[in-house]
PDB file of all heavy atoms in Angstrom:
ATOM      1  N   HIS A   1       9.559  -5.690  -5.135  1.00  0.00           N
ATOM      2  CA  HIS A   1      10.001  -4.856  -4.016  1.00  0.00           C
ATOM      3  C   HIS A   1       9.013  -3.709  -3.825  1.00  0.00           C
ATOM      4  O   HIS A   1       8.906  -2.819  -4.663  1.00  0.00           O
ATOM      5  CB  HIS A   1      11.402  -4.296  -4.297  1.00  0.00           C
ATOM      6  CG  HIS A   1      11.996  -3.565  -3.125  1.00  0.00           C
ATOM      7  ND1 HIS A   1      13.284  -3.097  -3.152  1.00  0.00           N
ATOM      8  CD2 HIS A   1      11.487  -3.227  -1.921  1.00  0.00           C
ATOM      9  CE1 HIS A   1      13.565  -2.497  -1.996  1.00  0.00           C
ATOM     10  NE2 HIS A   1      12.465  -2.571  -1.245  1.00  0.00           N
ATOM     11  N   SER A   2       8.272  -3.765  -2.720  1.00  0.00           N
ATOM     12  CA  SER A   2       7.306  -2.709  -2.407  1.00  0.00           C
ATOM     13  C   SER A   2       6.941  -2.781  -0.915  1.00  0.00           C
ATOM     14  O   SER A   2       7.284  -3.761  -0.237  1.00  0.00           O
ATOM     15  CB  SER A   2       6.035  -2.852  -3.245  1.00  0.00           C
ATOM     16  OG  SER A   2       5.367  -4.050  -2.921  1.00  0.00           O
ATOM     17  N   HIS A   3       6.263  -1.736  -0.475  1.00  0.00           N
ATOM     18  CA  HIS A   3       5.886  -1.652   0.943  1.00  0.00           C
ATOM     19  C   HIS A   3       4.399  -1.294   1.019  1.00  0.00           C
ATOM     20  O   HIS A   3       4.035  -0.158   1.329  1.00  0.00           O
ATOM     21  CB  HIS A   3       6.779  -0.648   1.653  1.00  0.00           C
ATOM     22  CG  HIS A   3       8.226  -1.046   1.599  1.00  0.00           C
ATOM     23  ND1 HIS A   3       8.820  -1.820   2.595  1.00  0.00           N
ATOM     24  CD2 HIS A   3       9.172  -0.847   0.664  1.00  0.00           C
ATOM     25  CE1 HIS A   3      10.079  -2.054   2.257  1.00  0.00           C
ATOM     26  NE2 HIS A   3      10.321  -1.476   1.093  1.00  0.00           N
ATOM     27  N   LEU A   4       3.573  -2.290   0.716  1.00  0.00           N
ATOM     28  CA  LEU A   4       2.138  -2.056   0.536  1.00  0.00           C
ATOM     29  C   LEU A   4       1.254  -2.752   1.553  1.00  0.00           C
ATOM     30  O   LEU A   4       0.039  -2.796   1.400  1.00  0.00           O
ATOM     31  CB  LEU A   4       1.724  -2.483  -0.889  1.00  0.00           C
ATOM     32  CG  LEU A   4       2.386  -1.695  -2.027  1.00  0.00           C
ATOM     33  CD1 LEU A   4       1.934  -2.231  -3.379  1.00  0.00           C
ATOM     34  CD2 LEU A   4       2.077  -0.202  -1.903  1.00  0.00           C
ATOM     35  N   ILE A   5       1.841  -3.294   2.610  1.00  0.00           N
ATOM     36  CA  ILE A   5       1.040  -3.809   3.729  1.00  0.00           C
ATOM     37  C   ILE A   5       0.988  -2.706   4.764  1.00  0.00           C
ATOM     38  O   ILE A   5       2.029  -2.303   5.313  1.00  0.00           O
ATOM     39  CB  ILE A   5       1.647  -5.087   4.331  1.00  0.00           C
ATOM     40  CG1 ILE A   5       1.632  -6.230   3.303  1.00  0.00           C
ATOM     41  CG2 ILE A   5       0.867  -5.507   5.581  1.00  0.00           C
ATOM     42  CD1 ILE A   5       2.203  -7.542   3.812  1.00  0.00           C
ATOM     43  N   PRO A   6      -0.191  -2.175   5.030  1.00  0.00           N
ATOM     44  CA  PRO A   6      -0.286  -0.983   5.904  1.00  0.00           C
ATOM     45  C   PRO A   6       0.067  -1.232   7.366  1.00  0.00           C
ATOM     46  O   PRO A   6      -0.261  -2.275   7.914  1.00  0.00           O
ATOM     47  CB  PRO A   6      -1.751  -0.557   5.754  1.00  0.00           C
ATOM     48  CG  PRO A   6      -2.466  -1.794   5.334  1.00  0.00           C
ATOM     49  CD  PRO A   6      -1.492  -2.572   4.505  1.00  0.00           C
ATOM     50  N   GLY A   7       0.777  -0.254   7.915  1.00  0.00           N
ATOM     51  CA  GLY A   7       0.960  -0.206   9.359  1.00  0.00           C
ATOM     52  C   GLY A   7       2.070  -1.008   9.958  1.00  0.00           C
ATOM     53  O   GLY A   7       2.196  -1.054  11.195  1.00  0.00           O
ATOM     54  N   ILE A   8       2.934  -1.652   9.136  1.00  0.00           N
ATOM     55  CA  ILE A   8       3.987  -2.467   9.769  1.00  0.00           C
ATOM     56  C   ILE A   8       5.398  -2.001   9.422  1.00  0.00           C
ATOM     57  O   ILE A   8       6.358  -2.590   9.901  1.00  0.00           O
ATOM     58  CB  ILE A   8       3.821  -3.977   9.439  1.00  0.00           C
ATOM     59  CG1 ILE A   8       3.925  -4.262   7.965  1.00  0.00           C
ATOM     60  CG2 ILE A   8       2.500  -4.492   9.980  1.00  0.00           C
ATOM     61  CD1 ILE A   8       3.910  -5.754   7.645  1.00  0.00           C
ATOM     62  N   ASP A   9       5.511  -0.982   8.573  1.00  0.00           N
ATOM     63  CA  ASP A   9       6.837  -0.385   8.357  1.00  0.00           C
ATOM     64  C   ASP A   9       6.626   1.058   7.892  1.00  0.00           C
ATOM     65  O   ASP A   9       5.614   1.683   8.236  1.00  0.00           O
ATOM     66  CB  ASP A   9       7.684  -1.214   7.394  1.00  0.00           C
ATOM     67  CG  ASP A   9       7.147  -1.264   5.970  1.00  0.00           C
ATOM     68  OD1 ASP A   9       6.069  -0.680   5.711  1.00  0.00           O
ATOM     69  OD2 ASP A   9       7.781  -1.887   5.127  1.00  0.00           O
ATOM     70  N   ASP A  10       7.536   1.595   7.103  1.00  0.00           N
ATOM     71  CA  ASP A  10       7.427   2.990   6.657  1.00  0.00           C
ATOM     72  C   ASP A  10       6.671   3.134   5.339  1.00  0.00           C
ATOM     73  O   ASP A  10       6.753   4.174   4.685  1.00  0.00           O
ATOM     74  CB  ASP A  10       8.820   3.618   6.519  1.00  0.00           C
ATOM     75  CG  ASP A  10       9.700   2.873   5.520  1.00  0.00           C
ATOM     76  OD1 ASP A  10       9.391   1.721   5.161  1.00  0.00           O
ATOM     77  OD2 ASP A  10      10.740   3.446   5.112  1.00  0.00           O
ATOM     78  N   GLY A  11       5.946   2.094   4.958  1.00  0.00           N
ATOM     79  CA  GLY A  11       5.198   2.122   3.709  1.00  0.00           C
ATOM     80  C   GLY A  11       3.808   2.724   3.893  1.00  0.00           C
ATOM     81  O   GLY A  11       3.620   3.640   4.703  1.00  0.00           O
ATOM     82  N   VAL A  12       2.841   2.220   3.140  1.00  0.00           N
ATOM     83  CA  VAL A  12       1.481   2.769   3.195  1.00  0.00           C
ATOM     84  C   VAL A  12       0.941   2.694   4.620  1.00  0.00           C
ATOM     85  O   VAL A  12       1.291   1.814   5.398  1.00  0.00           O
ATOM     86  CB  VAL A  12       0.526   2.025   2.228  1.00  0.00           C
ATOM     87  CG1 VAL A  12       0.943   2.234   0.790  1.00  0.00           C
ATOM     88  CG2 VAL A  12       0.466   0.539   2.551  1.00  0.00           C
ATOM     89  N   LYS A  13       0.034   3.655   4.910  1.00  0.00           N
ATOM     90  CA  LYS A  13      -0.509   3.738   6.275  1.00  0.00           C
ATOM     91  C   LYS A  13      -1.889   3.086   6.413  1.00  0.00           C
ATOM     92  O   LYS A  13      -2.276   2.688   7.506  1.00  0.00           O
ATOM     93  CB  LYS A  13      -0.608   5.209   6.705  1.00  0.00           C
ATOM     94  CG  LYS A  13       0.713   5.948   6.634  1.00  0.00           C
ATOM     95  CD  LYS A  13       1.807   5.266   7.438  1.00  0.00           C
ATOM     96  CE  LYS A  13       3.144   5.998   7.304  1.00  0.00           C
ATOM     97  NZ  LYS A  13       4.251   5.216   7.918  1.00  0.00           N
ATOM     98  N   THR A  14      -2.638   3.009   5.312  1.00  0.00           N
ATOM     99  CA  THR A  14      -3.983   2.468   5.399  1.00  0.00           C
ATOM    100  C   THR A  14      -4.229   1.470   4.270  1.00  0.00           C
ATOM    101  O   THR A  14      -3.542   1.463   3.245  1.00  0.00           O
ATOM    102  CB  THR A  14      -5.049   3.583   5.274  1.00  0.00           C
ATOM    103  OG1 THR A  14      -5.028   4.098   3.924  1.00  0.00           O
ATOM    104  CG2 THR A  14      -4.768   4.713   6.255  1.00  0.00           C
ATOM    105  N   ILE A  15      -5.259   0.659   4.461  1.00  0.00           N
ATOM    106  CA  ILE A  15      -5.669  -0.300   3.453  1.00  0.00           C
ATOM    107  C   ILE A  15      -6.083   0.420   2.178  1.00  0.00           C
ATOM    108  O   ILE A  15      -5.809  -0.050   1.055  1.00  0.00           O
ATOM    109  CB  ILE A  15      -6.824  -1.168   3.974  1.00  0.00           C
ATOM    110  CG1 ILE A  15      -6.271  -2.217   4.978  1.00  0.00           C
ATOM    111  CG2 ILE A  15      -7.569  -1.869   2.840  1.00  0.00           C
ATOM    112  CD1 ILE A  15      -7.332  -3.053   5.640  1.00  0.00           C
ATOM    113  N   TYR A  16      -6.702   1.582   2.322  1.00  0.00           N
ATOM    114  CA  TYR A  16      -7.188   2.315   1.147  1.00  0.00           C
ATOM    115  C   TYR A  16      -6.025   2.845   0.302  1.00  0.00           C
ATOM    116  O   TYR A  16      -6.111   2.884  -0.934  1.00  0.00           O
ATOM    117  CB  TYR A  16      -8.100   3.467   1.601  1.00  0.00           C
ATOM    118  CG  TYR A  16      -9.315   2.956   2.340  1.00  0.00           C
ATOM    119  CD1 TYR A  16      -9.395   3.045   3.726  1.00  0.00           C
ATOM    120  CD2 TYR A  16     -10.364   2.331   1.663  1.00  0.00           C
ATOM    121  CE1 TYR A  16     -10.495   2.537   4.425  1.00  0.00           C
ATOM    122  CE2 TYR A  16     -11.447   1.815   2.335  1.00  0.00           C
ATOM    123  CZ  TYR A  16     -11.527   1.921   3.719  1.00  0.00           C
ATOM    124  OH  TYR A  16     -12.603   1.415   4.385  1.00  0.00           O
ATOM    125  N   GLN A  17      -4.945   3.225   0.966  1.00  0.00           N
ATOM    126  CA  GLN A  17      -3.757   3.662   0.214  1.00  0.00           C
ATOM    127  C   GLN A  17      -3.172   2.485  -0.561  1.00  0.00           C
ATOM    128  O   GLN A  17      -2.811   2.629  -1.738  1.00  0.00           O
ATOM    129  CB  GLN A  17      -2.707   4.245   1.183  1.00  0.00           C
ATOM    130  CG  GLN A  17      -3.098   5.575   1.790  1.00  0.00           C
ATOM    131  CD  GLN A  17      -2.104   6.053   2.848  1.00  0.00           C
ATOM    132  OE1 GLN A  17      -1.148   5.354   3.182  1.00  0.00           O
ATOM    133  NE2 GLN A  17      -2.346   7.224   3.402  1.00  0.00           N
ATOM    134  N   SER A  18      -3.099   1.363   0.082  1.00  0.00           N
ATOM    135  CA  SER A  18      -2.594   0.172  -0.573  1.00  0.00           C
ATOM    136  C   SER A  18      -3.476  -0.204  -1.763  1.00  0.00           C
ATOM    137  O   SER A  18      -2.983  -0.503  -2.853  1.00  0.00           O
ATOM    138  CB  SER A  18      -2.531  -0.984   0.417  1.00  0.00           C
ATOM    139  OG  SER A  18      -2.048  -2.156  -0.189  1.00  0.00           O
ATOM    140  N   ALA A  19      -4.787  -0.185  -1.539  1.00  0.00           N
ATOM    141  CA  ALA A  19      -5.726  -0.558  -2.604  1.00  0.00           C
ATOM    142  C   ALA A  19      -5.620   0.373  -3.793  1.00  0.00           C
ATOM    143  O   ALA A  19      -5.674  -0.075  -4.948  1.00  0.00           O
ATOM    144  CB  ALA A  19      -7.154  -0.554  -2.058  1.00  0.00           C
ATOM    145  N   TYR A  20      -5.463   1.664  -3.551  1.00  0.00           N
ATOM    146  CA  TYR A  20      -5.373   2.627  -4.653  1.00  0.00           C
ATOM    147  C   TYR A  20      -4.133   2.351  -5.499  1.00  0.00           C
ATOM    148  O   TYR A  20      -4.180   2.354  -6.738  1.00  0.00           O
ATOM    149  CB  TYR A  20      -5.343   4.056  -4.116  1.00  0.00           C
ATOM    150  CG  TYR A  20      -5.197   5.076  -5.231  1.00  0.00           C
ATOM    151  CD1 TYR A  20      -6.291   5.440  -6.028  1.00  0.00           C
ATOM    152  CD2 TYR A  20      -3.962   5.655  -5.513  1.00  0.00           C
ATOM    153  CE1 TYR A  20      -6.145   6.336  -7.063  1.00  0.00           C
ATOM    154  CE2 TYR A  20      -3.806   6.568  -6.550  1.00  0.00           C
ATOM    155  CZ  TYR A  20      -4.919   6.903  -7.322  1.00  0.00           C
ATOM    156  OH  TYR A  20      -4.777   7.808  -8.342  1.00  0.00           O
ATOM    157  N   ILE A  21      -2.996   2.115  -4.828  1.00  0.00           N
ATOM    158  CA  ILE A  21      -1.749   1.870  -5.563  1.00  0.00           C
ATOM    159  C   ILE A  21      -1.876   0.566  -6.356  1.00  0.00           C
ATOM    160  O   ILE A  21      -1.478   0.492  -7.520  1.00  0.00           O
ATOM    161  CB  ILE A  21      -0.557   1.820  -4.589  1.00  0.00           C
ATOM    162  CG1 ILE A  21      -0.284   3.221  -4.029  1.00  0.00           C
ATOM    163  CG2 ILE A  21       0.690   1.285  -5.288  1.00  0.00           C
ATOM    164  CD1 ILE A  21       0.733   3.279  -2.916  1.00  0.00           C
ATOM    165  N   LEU A  22      -2.441  -0.451  -5.745  1.00  0.00           N
ATOM    166  CA  LEU A  22      -2.611  -1.729  -6.465  1.00  0.00           C
ATOM    167  C   LEU A  22      -3.559  -1.571  -7.642  1.00  0.00           C
ATOM    168  O   LEU A  22      -3.367  -2.193  -8.706  1.00  0.00           O
ATOM    169  CB  LEU A  22      -3.139  -2.793  -5.492  1.00  0.00           C
ATOM    170  CG  LEU A  22      -2.116  -3.287  -4.455  1.00  0.00           C
ATOM    171  CD1 LEU A  22      -2.824  -4.131  -3.389  1.00  0.00           C
ATOM    172  CD2 LEU A  22      -1.019  -4.101  -5.124  1.00  0.00           C
ATOM    173  N   GLU A  23      -4.580  -0.728  -7.494  1.00  0.00           N
ATOM    174  CA  GLU A  23      -5.505  -0.457  -8.584  1.00  0.00           C
ATOM    175  C   GLU A  23      -4.755   0.188  -9.765  1.00  0.00           C
ATOM    176  O   GLU A  23      -4.978  -0.179 -10.921  1.00  0.00           O
ATOM    177  CB  GLU A  23      -6.611   0.461  -8.129  1.00  0.00           C
ATOM    178  CG  GLU A  23      -7.640   0.776  -9.188  1.00  0.00           C
ATOM    179  CD  GLU A  23      -8.722   1.708  -8.698  1.00  0.00           C
ATOM    180  OE1 GLU A  23      -8.414   2.629  -7.914  1.00  0.00           O
ATOM    181  OE2 GLU A  23      -9.894   1.512  -9.090  1.00  0.00           O
ATOM    182  N   GLN A  24      -3.882   1.133  -9.478  1.00  0.00           N
ATOM    183  CA  GLN A  24      -3.089   1.775 -10.512  1.00  0.00           C
ATOM    184  C   GLN A  24      -2.117   0.784 -11.156  1.00  0.00           C
ATOM    185  O   GLN A  24      -1.904   0.817 -12.380  1.00  0.00           O
ATOM    186  CB  GLN A  24      -2.330   2.988  -9.965  1.00  0.00           C
ATOM    187  CG  GLN A  24      -3.220   4.044  -9.339  1.00  0.00           C
ATOM    188  CD  GLN A  24      -4.419   4.410 -10.203  1.00  0.00           C
ATOM    189  OE1 GLN A  24      -4.264   4.803 -11.366  1.00  0.00           O
ATOM    190  NE2 GLN A  24      -5.609   4.270  -9.658  1.00  0.00           N
ATOM    191  N   PHE A  25      -1.570  -0.102 -10.347  1.00  0.00           N
ATOM    192  CA  PHE A  25      -0.686  -1.145 -10.882  1.00  0.00           C
ATOM    193  C   PHE A  25      -1.452  -2.057 -11.852  1.00  0.00           C
ATOM    194  O   PHE A  25      -0.939  -2.476 -12.884  1.00  0.00           O
ATOM    195  CB  PHE A  25      -0.082  -1.963  -9.751  1.00  0.00           C
ATOM    196  CG  PHE A  25       1.172  -1.378  -9.148  1.00  0.00           C
ATOM    197  CD1 PHE A  25       1.542  -0.084  -9.400  1.00  0.00           C
ATOM    198  CD2 PHE A  25       1.983  -2.137  -8.315  1.00  0.00           C
ATOM    199  CE1 PHE A  25       2.705   0.461  -8.856  1.00  0.00           C
ATOM    200  CE2 PHE A  25       3.138  -1.617  -7.771  1.00  0.00           C
ATOM    201  CZ  PHE A  25       3.502  -0.307  -8.044  1.00  0.00           C
ATOM    202  N   GLU A  26      -2.702  -2.387 -11.493  1.00  0.00           N
ATOM    203  CA  GLU A  26      -3.536  -3.195 -12.385  1.00  0.00           C
ATOM    204  C   GLU A  26      -3.669  -2.520 -13.751  1.00  0.00           C
ATOM    205  O   GLU A  26      -3.556  -3.170 -14.794  1.00  0.00           O
ATOM    206  CB  GLU A  26      -4.925  -3.384 -11.782  1.00  0.00           C
ATOM    207  CG  GLU A  26      -5.043  -4.499 -10.790  1.00  0.00           C
ATOM    208  CD  GLU A  26      -6.490  -4.815 -10.421  1.00  0.00           C
ATOM    209  OE1 GLU A  26      -7.383  -3.997 -10.753  1.00  0.00           O
ATOM    210  OE2 GLU A  26      -6.742  -5.846  -9.789  1.00  0.00           O
TER     211      GLU A  26
END
């Protein structure tokens, strides 16, 4: 459960935000 595809809901706004969070998850 996450909202990491940018620009289609109230989750991350940019690809870079998504990438940073995924990097921390790694």
